């Protein structure tokens, strides 16, 4: 009987992300023995000889150091200043099984290792689900107080050399004791206060499979399988924070709340570190918005464009600026240049949704242009939004392809429906063809005049040139045009007079 063990993520669909509690590597790091038996039968002397060969193997995964290329990304970013006090630090690895590639409690003998492997194959609950690495968040105050000394570079043998009052990890068999590493002797009481317990460690690491196909292109287009290790302590606002990627291997019995009075320090191997600075603690959004309403804080005027002094005398311009409109140059198709109003989606005043519903839906951008007869100016707010939305949608290849397929499917449905109507009418005509040829003619006429009218053909509205009435500012009537021609007057001057009046 075989047991299914997750050793690699499954295929992920486009636009999906899948999370895994853990990913068990096919062979966790350690020593193995490959054993081969062969028995030869049919020998002439009647004895079947048996041959046995053993081949020792070493799966030597990362233990005392990690290649920088293994790290995909980390957050908060190194050496940066930002509002990170509400974000748990985390690091993402390209190796999707790295946090579980070693056991946190390494076996002390080959027999113990074989026994663990057999249990894991027989019972999935025995599979190693505890990561051997983790993140510790250290504040600048902790370093200044001496609770966290500077990292020290030493060899593996030096790290395992017993020291008075220093708690060391139980690593079992070490392959090369001359390898160098970096270690820190944490104050043991401080370590127990900030470190996770052995029960909490499985919740601080996971694997994920990502497929960004079908997503909007925002620069986040990394596909693949990753592992993530998360810290258990929030950064401190207003100070520098240090993040240490440490190895918990051999410390499985030390990740508890039990007091260890016989020791003052605990030694951990550090696999990497970075630092960043948090801004001072921020107020909530509600508090910040309420403060804007206090006297002297500016109020909603801070959400508007600054007004110039001369606009105070123009009520129309003043009102437009107060509700987040800006005047922009409008180059028309006929070559003329005018001034039109525009605003973005964020405004400093409530918008009336009924106004939008009365004019929509829009089949093209020009239909969303609104004209103000009082000022003689156009409003391009909704027409610009319509055009920008269409361009953004069509710039996404997945959406554009899906829209194209939907449209083709709709047209095929209409075509199929009309074809069925044609076949139905033909069947009716064939049944009566023996009577008279006139029935064929009348049946065909009935088909085109009655049935085809009922087909739900897609209807597209075409653009129509709208004639502006002379009741609008800036538009001359026919009599006014004749008068201009007869008197040989300057049309621009007369237009200016009409607008002023």
Protein backbone atom coordinates (compact mmCIF):
# COMPACT_ATOMS: atom_id res chain seq x y z
CA UNK A 1 0.00 0.00 0.00
CA UNK A 2 1.44 3.37 -1.00
CA UNK A 3 0.81 6.77 0.54
CA UNK A 4 0.52 9.92 -1.56
CA UNK A 5 3.01 12.53 -0.37
CA UNK A 6 3.06 16.04 -1.81
CA UNK A 7 6.57 16.50 -3.21
CA UNK A 8 5.77 19.19 -5.80
CA UNK A 9 2.85 21.52 -6.55
CA UNK A 10 0.21 20.47 -9.07
CA UNK A 11 -0.51 22.32 -12.29
CA UNK A 12 -2.03 25.73 -11.53
CA UNK A 13 -4.69 27.20 -13.80
CA UNK A 14 -4.27 30.61 -15.43
CA UNK A 15 -4.82 33.46 -13.00
CA UNK A 16 -4.82 31.16 -9.97
CA UNK A 17 -2.71 30.78 -6.84
CA UNK A 18 -2.69 27.64 -4.72
CA UNK A 19 -1.43 27.40 -1.14
CA UNK A 20 0.16 24.37 0.51
CA UNK A 21 0.73 23.76 4.22
CA UNK A 22 4.06 22.19 3.35
CA UNK A 23 5.94 20.52 0.49
CA UNK A 24 7.86 17.39 1.42
CA UNK A 25 11.05 17.09 -0.69
CA UNK A 26 11.48 13.68 -2.37
CA UNK A 27 14.58 13.11 -0.25
CA UNK A 28 15.16 15.31 2.80
CA UNK A 29 18.77 16.21 3.48
CA UNK A 30 20.77 13.45 5.15
CA UNK A 31 22.63 10.16 4.60
CA UNK A 32 21.04 7.32 2.62
CA UNK A 33 22.04 3.86 1.47
CA UNK A 34 21.02 2.47 -1.91
CA UNK A 35 20.83 -1.31 -1.65
CA UNK A 36 20.59 -3.66 -4.67
CA UNK A 37 19.92 -7.43 -4.52
CA UNK A 38 20.28 -9.84 -7.43
CA UNK A 39 19.68 -13.60 -7.44
CA UNK A 40 20.73 -15.75 -10.38
CA UNK A 41 18.62 -18.83 -10.99
CA UNK A 42 19.15 -21.89 -13.18
CA UNK A 43 22.85 -22.43 -12.39
CA UNK A 44 24.12 -25.91 -13.36
CA UNK A 45 25.37 -26.83 -9.89
CA UNK A 46 21.86 -26.39 -8.46
CA UNK A 47 22.72 -23.46 -6.21
CA UNK A 48 21.23 -20.02 -6.96
CA UNK A 49 23.86 -17.40 -6.01
CA UNK A 50 22.73 -14.05 -4.55
CA UNK A 51 24.59 -10.79 -4.96
CA UNK A 52 24.18 -7.71 -2.73
CA UNK A 53 25.64 -4.22 -3.25
CA UNK A 54 25.29 -1.13 -1.07
CA UNK A 55 25.91 2.42 -2.27
CA UNK A 56 25.96 5.21 0.34
CA UNK A 57 24.37 8.51 -0.72
CA UNK A 58 24.50 11.96 0.81
CA UNK A 59 21.74 14.50 0.16
CA UNK A 60 23.46 17.64 1.38
CA UNK A 61 20.94 20.48 1.25
CA UNK A 62 21.45 23.98 2.67
CA UNK A 63 22.29 23.87 6.36
CA UNK A 64 24.64 26.58 7.55
CA UNK A 65 24.25 29.02 4.65
CA UNK A 66 21.82 29.82 1.84
CA UNK A 67 22.72 31.00 -1.64
CA UNK A 68 21.43 34.55 -2.32
CA UNK A 69 20.02 33.33 -5.65
CA UNK A 70 17.61 31.13 -3.68
CA UNK A 71 15.86 34.25 -2.35
CA UNK A 72 13.11 35.50 -4.65
CA UNK A 73 12.02 38.55 -2.66
CA UNK A 74 11.70 39.85 0.87
CA UNK A 75 9.45 42.30 2.67
CA UNK A 76 9.85 44.90 4.02
CA UNK A 77 12.56 45.76 1.49
CA UNK A 78 16.10 46.10 2.80
CA UNK A 79 17.42 49.52 3.82
CA UNK A 80 14.10 51.26 3.14
CA UNK A 81 11.97 53.69 5.14
CA UNK A 82 8.22 53.18 5.14
CA UNK A 83 5.01 52.39 6.96
CA UNK A 84 5.80 48.78 7.78
CA UNK A 85 4.69 48.64 11.41
CA UNK A 86 1.49 46.72 10.52
CA UNK A 87 3.15 44.13 8.24
CA UNK A 88 4.74 40.87 9.35
CA UNK A 89 8.18 40.46 7.75
CA UNK A 90 8.43 37.59 5.29
CA UNK A 91 10.84 36.13 2.77
CA UNK A 92 10.04 34.21 -0.44
CA UNK A 93 12.33 31.46 -1.76
CA UNK A 94 12.56 30.06 -5.29
CA UNK A 95 13.07 26.61 -3.76
CA UNK A 96 9.49 25.57 -2.96
CA UNK A 97 10.51 22.87 -0.43
CA UNK A 98 13.38 24.67 1.31
CA UNK A 99 11.71 25.20 4.75
CA UNK A 100 11.07 21.42 5.00
CA UNK A 101 14.26 20.14 3.34
CA UNK A 102 15.73 19.35 6.77
CA UNK A 103 14.18 18.06 9.95
CA UNK A 104 14.21 20.39 12.92
CA UNK A 105 15.25 17.44 15.11
CA UNK A 106 17.94 15.62 13.11
CA UNK A 107 18.16 11.85 13.74
CA UNK A 108 21.07 10.74 15.87
CA UNK A 109 21.52 7.41 14.04
CA UNK A 110 20.82 5.71 10.70
CA UNK A 111 18.34 3.33 12.32
CA UNK A 112 16.33 6.24 13.68
CA UNK A 113 16.32 7.91 10.26
CA UNK A 114 15.10 4.71 8.56
CA UNK A 115 12.38 4.31 11.16
CA UNK A 116 11.14 7.88 10.56
CA UNK A 117 11.09 7.36 6.80
CA UNK A 118 9.07 4.16 7.11
CA UNK A 119 6.56 5.86 9.42
CA UNK A 120 6.17 8.76 7.02
CA UNK A 121 5.48 6.38 4.11
CA UNK A 122 2.90 4.47 6.12
CA UNK A 123 1.18 7.44 7.76
CA UNK A 124 1.02 10.95 6.23
CA UNK A 125 0.63 12.41 9.73
CA UNK A 126 4.25 11.37 10.40
CA UNK A 127 5.58 13.53 7.54
CA UNK A 128 7.77 16.40 8.67
CA UNK A 129 5.58 19.52 8.66
CA UNK A 130 7.77 21.72 10.88
CA UNK A 131 10.11 24.17 9.08
CA UNK A 132 13.71 24.24 10.22
CA UNK A 133 14.16 27.97 9.50
CA UNK A 134 12.38 31.08 10.73
CA UNK A 135 12.49 34.87 10.98
CA UNK A 136 13.23 36.79 14.18
CA UNK A 137 12.40 40.51 14.39
CA UNK A 138 14.78 42.51 16.56
CA UNK A 139 14.36 46.18 17.48
CA UNK A 140 17.17 48.71 17.76
CA UNK A 141 16.46 48.99 21.50
CA UNK A 142 17.12 45.25 21.92
CA UNK A 143 20.52 45.57 20.31
CA UNK A 144 21.44 48.65 22.33
CA UNK A 145 20.55 46.85 25.57
CA UNK A 146 22.89 43.94 24.77
CA UNK A 147 20.19 41.30 24.42
CA UNK A 148 21.28 40.66 20.83
CA UNK A 149 25.06 40.89 20.27
CA UNK A 150 26.70 41.24 16.88
CA UNK A 151 26.87 38.12 14.69
CA UNK A 152 30.14 36.19 14.83
CA UNK A 153 31.75 34.20 12.01
CA UNK A 154 33.07 30.80 13.17
CA UNK A 155 33.46 27.20 12.03
CA UNK A 156 30.94 24.45 12.64
CA UNK A 157 33.24 22.83 15.21
CA UNK A 158 33.64 26.12 17.06
CA UNK A 159 29.88 26.63 17.06
CA UNK A 160 29.36 23.20 18.65
CA UNK A 161 32.14 23.64 21.20
CA UNK A 162 30.52 23.68 24.66
CA UNK A 163 30.63 27.03 26.41
CA UNK A 164 29.56 27.85 29.97
CA UNK A 165 25.97 29.04 30.20
CA UNK A 166 25.49 28.83 26.38
CA UNK A 167 22.77 26.50 25.07
CA UNK A 168 23.90 24.77 21.84
CA UNK A 169 21.83 22.99 19.16
CA UNK A 170 21.80 19.19 18.88
CA UNK A 171 22.79 18.67 15.24
CA UNK A 172 23.68 14.99 15.29
CA UNK A 173 26.22 13.99 12.65
CA UNK A 174 28.16 16.83 10.98
CA UNK A 175 29.78 16.16 7.61
CA UNK A 176 32.42 18.91 7.52
CA UNK A 177 33.26 20.64 10.77
CA UNK A 178 35.58 23.14 9.09
CA UNK A 179 32.81 24.90 7.19
CA UNK A 180 32.29 28.51 8.22
CA UNK A 181 29.02 29.96 9.42
CA UNK A 182 27.55 32.98 11.22
CA UNK A 183 26.05 32.61 14.70
CA UNK A 184 24.52 34.83 17.37
CA UNK A 185 24.31 34.18 21.11
CA UNK A 186 20.88 35.55 22.04
CA UNK A 187 19.94 36.30 25.63
CA UNK A 188 17.91 33.19 26.46
CA UNK A 189 15.07 34.98 28.27
CA UNK A 190 14.77 37.47 25.45
CA UNK A 191 14.82 34.65 22.86
CA UNK A 192 12.00 32.80 24.59
CA UNK A 193 9.98 36.01 24.71
CA UNK A 194 10.16 36.70 20.94
CA UNK A 195 10.66 33.25 19.37
CA UNK A 196 7.75 31.05 18.25
CA UNK A 197 7.01 27.79 19.99
CA UNK A 198 7.40 24.44 18.29
CA UNK A 199 3.61 24.30 17.92
CA UNK A 200 3.51 27.69 16.15
CA UNK A 201 6.27 26.99 13.60
CA UNK A 202 4.11 25.07 11.05
CA UNK A 203 1.89 28.17 10.71
CA UNK A 204 4.85 30.43 9.89
CA UNK A 205 5.79 28.77 6.58
CA UNK A 206 3.87 27.65 3.52
CA UNK A 207 4.32 26.95 -0.18
CA UNK A 208 2.41 28.47 -3.06
CA UNK A 209 2.00 27.85 -6.76
CA UNK A 210 1.38 30.93 -8.88
CA UNK A 211 0.21 31.33 -12.46
CA UNK A 212 -0.23 34.99 -13.45
CA UNK A 213 -1.82 34.16 -16.80
CA UNK A 214 -5.09 36.05 -17.25
CA UNK A 215 -4.15 38.79 -14.80
CA UNK A 216 -3.78 42.49 -15.54
CA UNK A 217 -0.15 43.26 -16.33
CA UNK A 218 1.15 45.32 -13.40
CA UNK A 219 4.75 44.11 -13.44
CA UNK A 220 3.92 41.18 -11.12
CA UNK A 221 4.26 38.43 -13.72
CA UNK A 222 6.41 35.85 -11.90
CA UNK A 223 5.06 32.33 -12.36
CA UNK A 224 6.23 29.25 -10.54
CA UNK A 225 6.33 27.56 -7.16
CA UNK A 226 7.67 29.34 -4.10
CA UNK A 227 8.03 28.82 -0.38
CA UNK A 228 7.34 31.59 2.12
CA UNK A 229 8.64 32.03 5.68
CA UNK A 230 6.86 34.61 7.87
CA UNK A 231 8.01 36.31 11.04
CA UNK A 232 5.90 36.22 14.19
CA UNK A 233 6.65 39.73 15.49
CA UNK A 234 5.51 43.07 14.09
CA UNK A 235 8.16 45.75 13.46
CA UNK A 236 8.36 48.71 15.82
CA UNK A 237 7.38 52.15 14.53
CA UNK A 238 9.87 54.99 14.62
CA UNK A 239 13.02 52.87 14.96
CA UNK A 240 15.30 50.64 12.90
CA UNK A 241 14.30 46.97 12.78
CA UNK A 242 16.54 43.98 12.08
CA UNK A 243 15.30 40.70 10.59
CA UNK A 244 17.39 37.55 11.12
CA UNK A 245 16.81 34.36 9.14
CA UNK A 246 17.86 31.73 11.66
CA UNK A 247 18.13 27.94 11.77
CA UNK A 248 16.08 26.16 14.42
CA UNK A 249 17.68 22.80 13.61
CA UNK A 250 18.60 21.04 16.83
CA UNK A 251 16.59 23.51 18.97
CA UNK A 252 13.30 21.59 18.90
CA UNK A 253 13.44 21.12 22.69
CA UNK A 254 14.27 24.79 23.28
CA UNK A 255 11.24 26.30 21.52
CA UNK A 256 8.95 26.27 24.52
CA UNK A 257 7.90 28.46 27.40
CA UNK A 258 9.73 26.33 29.96
CA UNK A 259 12.36 28.21 31.91
CA UNK A 260 15.97 27.17 31.33
CA UNK A 261 17.75 28.67 34.33
CA UNK A 262 20.96 26.72 33.71
CA UNK A 263 21.80 28.89 30.69
CA UNK A 264 22.17 32.60 29.99
CA UNK A 265 22.59 32.44 26.19
CA UNK A 266 21.30 30.37 23.31
CA UNK A 267 23.33 30.00 20.10
CA UNK A 268 21.58 30.14 16.73
CA UNK A 269 22.99 29.88 13.22
CA UNK A 270 21.99 32.91 11.15
CA UNK A 271 21.49 32.29 7.42
CA UNK A 272 20.94 35.93 6.49
CA UNK A 273 19.66 39.28 7.73
CA UNK A 274 18.41 42.66 6.55
CA UNK A 275 17.24 45.88 8.12
CA UNK A 276 14.72 48.65 7.50
CA UNK A 277 13.21 51.61 9.32
CA UNK A 278 9.56 52.18 10.16
CA UNK A 279 7.97 55.60 10.14
CA UNK A 280 6.35 56.95 13.25
CA UNK A 281 2.99 55.42 14.08
CA UNK A 282 0.25 56.73 11.81
CA UNK A 283 -3.24 57.78 12.73
CA UNK A 284 -6.23 55.94 11.29
CA UNK A 285 -7.89 57.11 8.09
CA UNK A 286 -10.95 58.21 10.04
CA UNK A 287 -8.81 60.33 12.38
CA UNK A 288 -6.92 61.94 9.51
CA UNK A 289 -10.12 62.85 7.66
CA UNK A 290 -11.69 64.26 10.83
CA UNK A 291 -8.61 66.41 11.44
CA UNK A 292 -9.07 68.03 8.03
CA UNK A 293 -12.33 69.52 9.26
CA UNK A 294 -10.66 71.32 12.19
CA UNK A 295 -10.22 75.06 11.91
CA UNK A 296 -7.12 76.02 9.99
CA UNK A 297 -6.54 72.53 8.53
CA UNK A 298 -7.83 73.38 5.05
CA UNK A 299 -10.82 71.05 4.88
CA UNK A 300 -11.84 69.63 1.53
CA UNK A 301 -9.99 72.41 -0.27
CA UNK A 302 -6.89 70.24 0.12
CA UNK A 303 -8.52 67.77 -2.29
CA UNK A 304 -8.99 70.45 -4.95
CA UNK A 305 -6.73 72.31 -7.32
CA UNK A 306 -5.45 75.59 -5.91
CA UNK A 307 -7.51 78.53 -7.10
CA UNK A 308 -5.96 81.67 -8.50
CA UNK A 309 -7.09 85.10 -7.32
CA UNK A 310 -8.76 86.09 -10.59
CA UNK A 311 -11.04 83.03 -10.54
CA UNK A 312 -12.85 84.36 -7.46
CA UNK A 313 -14.72 86.88 -9.63
CA UNK A 314 -15.90 84.20 -12.07
CA UNK A 315 -18.66 82.24 -10.38
CA UNK A 316 -18.70 79.53 -13.04
CA UNK A 317 -14.97 78.86 -12.80
CA UNK A 318 -15.09 79.04 -9.01
CA UNK A 319 -17.87 76.47 -8.81
CA UNK A 320 -16.18 74.15 -11.31
CA UNK A 321 -12.89 74.17 -9.41
CA UNK A 322 -14.68 73.51 -6.14
CA UNK A 323 -16.17 70.30 -7.49
CA UNK A 324 -12.82 69.10 -8.91
CA UNK A 325 -13.22 70.18 -12.57
CA UNK A 326 -10.30 71.62 -14.54
CA UNK A 327 -10.38 73.53 -17.84
CA UNK A 328 -8.37 71.82 -20.59
CA UNK A 329 -7.67 72.60 -24.21
CA UNK A 330 -9.96 70.67 -26.57
CA UNK A 331 -8.74 70.09 -30.13
CA UNK A 332 -11.83 69.30 -32.20
CA UNK A 333 -11.99 67.14 -35.32
CA UNK A 334 -12.75 70.13 -37.54
CA UNK A 335 -9.44 71.70 -36.50
CA UNK A 336 -10.90 74.21 -34.09
CA UNK A 337 -9.52 74.71 -30.59
CA UNK A 338 -11.78 75.22 -27.62
CA UNK A 339 -11.81 74.87 -23.85
CA UNK A 340 -13.69 72.01 -22.19
CA UNK A 341 -14.21 70.78 -18.65
CA UNK A 342 -12.67 67.56 -17.35
CA UNK A 343 -12.50 65.75 -14.01
CA UNK A 344 -11.12 62.42 -12.85
CA UNK A 345 -12.90 59.68 -10.91
CA UNK A 346 -11.96 61.17 -7.52
CA UNK A 347 -13.89 64.32 -6.70
CA UNK A 348 -14.30 66.57 -3.69
CA UNK A 349 -18.10 66.57 -3.95
CA UNK A 350 -20.81 63.89 -4.14
CA UNK A 351 -21.86 62.74 -7.61
CA UNK A 352 -25.43 62.07 -8.72
CA UNK A 353 -25.74 58.52 -10.05
CA UNK A 354 -29.16 59.28 -11.53
CA UNK A 355 -27.42 61.73 -13.85
CA UNK A 356 -25.24 58.90 -15.17
CA UNK A 357 -28.09 56.42 -15.54
CA UNK A 358 -30.22 58.88 -17.50
CA UNK A 359 -27.58 59.25 -20.22
CA UNK A 360 -26.18 55.70 -20.35
CA UNK A 361 -25.36 53.22 -21.58
CA UNK A 362 -22.89 54.69 -24.05
CA UNK A 363 -22.03 52.88 -27.28
CA UNK A 364 -19.15 55.23 -28.09
CA UNK A 365 -17.26 58.00 -26.32
CA UNK A 366 -18.82 60.95 -28.18
CA UNK A 367 -22.23 60.02 -26.87
CA UNK A 368 -20.93 60.64 -23.34
CA UNK A 369 -19.96 64.24 -24.10
CA UNK A 370 -22.22 66.65 -22.23
CA UNK A 371 -22.88 70.23 -23.32
CA UNK A 372 -23.62 73.11 -20.97
CA UNK A 373 -25.87 75.61 -22.84
CA UNK A 374 -25.30 78.32 -20.21
CA UNK A 375 -21.54 78.46 -20.64
CA UNK A 376 -21.26 77.03 -24.16
CA UNK A 377 -18.62 74.54 -22.93
CA UNK A 378 -18.42 70.77 -23.30
CA UNK A 379 -17.89 68.34 -20.40
CA UNK A 380 -15.56 65.46 -21.32
CA UNK A 381 -15.48 63.73 -17.92
CA UNK A 382 -17.55 60.69 -18.89
CA UNK A 383 -16.40 60.49 -22.50
CA UNK A 384 -12.77 60.37 -21.35
CA UNK A 385 -13.61 57.73 -18.75
CA UNK A 386 -15.35 55.65 -21.43
CA UNK A 387 -12.38 55.87 -23.79
CA UNK A 388 -9.79 55.16 -21.09
CA UNK A 389 -11.77 52.16 -19.87
CA UNK A 390 -12.02 50.69 -23.36
CA UNK A 391 -8.31 51.15 -24.05
CA UNK A 392 -7.35 49.58 -20.71
CA UNK A 393 -9.63 46.63 -21.37
CA UNK A 394 -8.32 46.04 -24.89
CA UNK A 395 -4.71 46.37 -23.72
CA UNK A 396 -5.22 43.22 -21.64
CA UNK A 397 -4.67 40.36 -24.08
CA UNK A 398 -6.65 37.83 -22.05
CA UNK A 399 -9.70 40.08 -21.77
CA UNK A 400 -9.56 41.08 -25.43
CA UNK A 401 -9.40 37.42 -26.48
CA UNK A 402 -12.28 36.51 -24.17
CA UNK A 403 -14.38 39.40 -25.47
CA UNK A 404 -13.66 38.38 -29.07
CA UNK A 405 -14.70 34.78 -28.35
CA UNK A 406 -17.88 35.94 -26.60
CA UNK A 407 -18.84 38.12 -29.54
CA UNK A 408 -18.22 35.31 -32.03
CA UNK A 409 -20.26 32.90 -29.91
CA UNK A 410 -23.14 35.40 -29.82
CA UNK A 411 -23.08 35.87 -33.60
CA UNK A 412 -22.94 32.09 -34.13
CA UNK A 413 -26.01 31.70 -31.94
CA UNK A 414 -27.89 34.29 -33.99
CA UNK A 415 -26.80 32.65 -37.23
CA UNK A 416 -27.84 29.21 -35.99
CA UNK A 417 -31.22 30.56 -34.92
CA UNK A 418 -31.84 32.12 -38.32
CA UNK A 419 -30.68 28.94 -40.08
CA UNK A 420 -33.15 26.87 -38.07
CA UNK A 421 -35.92 29.22 -39.13
CA UNK A 422 -34.91 28.83 -42.77
CA UNK A 423 -34.84 25.02 -42.56
CA UNK A 424 -38.21 24.99 -40.85
CA UNK A 425 -39.77 27.10 -43.59
CA UNK A 426 -38.16 24.97 -46.31
CA UNK A 427 -39.65 21.85 -44.77
CA UNK A 428 -43.06 23.48 -44.81
CA UNK A 429 -42.63 24.53 -48.43
CA UNK A 430 -41.47 21.08 -49.58
CA UNK A 431 -44.58 19.53 -48.08
CA UNK A 432 -46.79 21.68 -50.27
CA UNK A 433 -44.65 21.74 -53.44
CA UNK A 434 -46.82 19.16 -55.17
CA UNK A 435 -49.83 21.45 -55.02
CA UNK A 436 -48.74 24.47 -56.95
CA UNK A 437 -45.59 26.38 -57.75
CA UNK A 438 -47.34 29.46 -56.38
CA UNK A 439 -47.05 28.03 -52.89
CA UNK A 440 -43.25 28.14 -53.18
CA UNK A 441 -43.34 31.82 -54.07
CA UNK A 442 -45.78 32.69 -51.29
CA UNK A 443 -43.83 30.57 -48.79
CA UNK A 444 -40.58 32.35 -49.67
CA UNK A 445 -42.22 35.74 -49.35
CA UNK A 446 -43.66 34.75 -45.99
CA UNK A 447 -40.25 33.59 -44.82
CA UNK A 448 -38.52 36.89 -45.59
CA UNK A 449 -41.34 39.20 -44.57
CA UNK A 450 -42.42 37.52 -41.34
CA UNK A 451 -39.81 35.16 -39.95
CA UNK A 452 -36.67 37.16 -40.64
CA UNK A 453 -38.17 40.16 -38.88
CA UNK A 454 -38.36 38.19 -35.66
CA UNK A 455 -34.67 37.23 -35.63
CA UNK A 456 -32.79 39.06 -32.90
CA UNK A 457 -30.09 40.55 -35.10
CA UNK A 458 -27.47 42.69 -33.30
CA UNK A 459 -28.16 46.36 -33.86
CA UNK A 460 -25.41 48.93 -33.81
CA UNK A 461 -26.17 52.62 -33.62
CA UNK A 462 -24.29 54.79 -36.07
CA UNK A 463 -23.00 58.23 -35.32
CA UNK A 464 -25.17 61.06 -36.50
CA UNK A 465 -24.15 64.66 -36.86
CA UNK A 466 -26.23 66.78 -34.51
CA UNK A 467 -27.29 70.22 -35.68
CA UNK A 468 -26.98 72.86 -33.00
CA UNK A 469 -29.92 75.18 -32.66
CA UNK A 470 -29.53 78.97 -32.78
CA UNK A 471 -30.87 79.13 -29.21
CA UNK A 472 -27.47 78.02 -28.01
CA UNK A 473 -24.65 80.52 -27.34
CA UNK A 474 -22.16 80.64 -30.18
CA UNK A 475 -24.62 79.58 -32.90
CA UNK A 476 -25.93 82.07 -35.53
CA UNK A 477 -29.36 81.79 -37.06
CA UNK A 478 -29.86 81.95 -40.83
CA UNK A 479 -31.03 85.59 -40.66
CA UNK A 480 -27.99 86.55 -38.59
CA UNK A 481 -25.69 84.92 -41.14
CA UNK A 482 -27.35 86.82 -44.00
CA UNK A 483 -27.00 90.08 -42.08
CA UNK A 484 -23.27 89.43 -41.54
CA UNK A 485 -22.74 88.83 -45.24
CA UNK A 486 -24.74 91.86 -46.36
CA UNK A 487 -23.01 94.25 -43.91
CA UNK A 488 -19.59 92.64 -44.44
CA UNK A 489 -19.16 92.39 -40.65
CA UNK A 490 -16.41 90.45 -38.84
CA UNK A 491 -18.04 87.15 -37.74
CA UNK A 492 -15.59 86.69 -34.84
CA UNK A 493 -16.42 90.08 -33.36
CA UNK A 494 -20.14 89.44 -33.73
CA UNK A 495 -19.71 86.02 -32.11
CA UNK A 496 -17.89 87.58 -29.16
CA UNK A 497 -20.69 90.13 -28.73
CA UNK A 498 -23.30 87.40 -28.77
CA UNK A 499 -21.49 85.37 -26.14
CA UNK A 500 -21.15 88.39 -23.85
CA UNK A 501 -24.81 89.18 -24.17
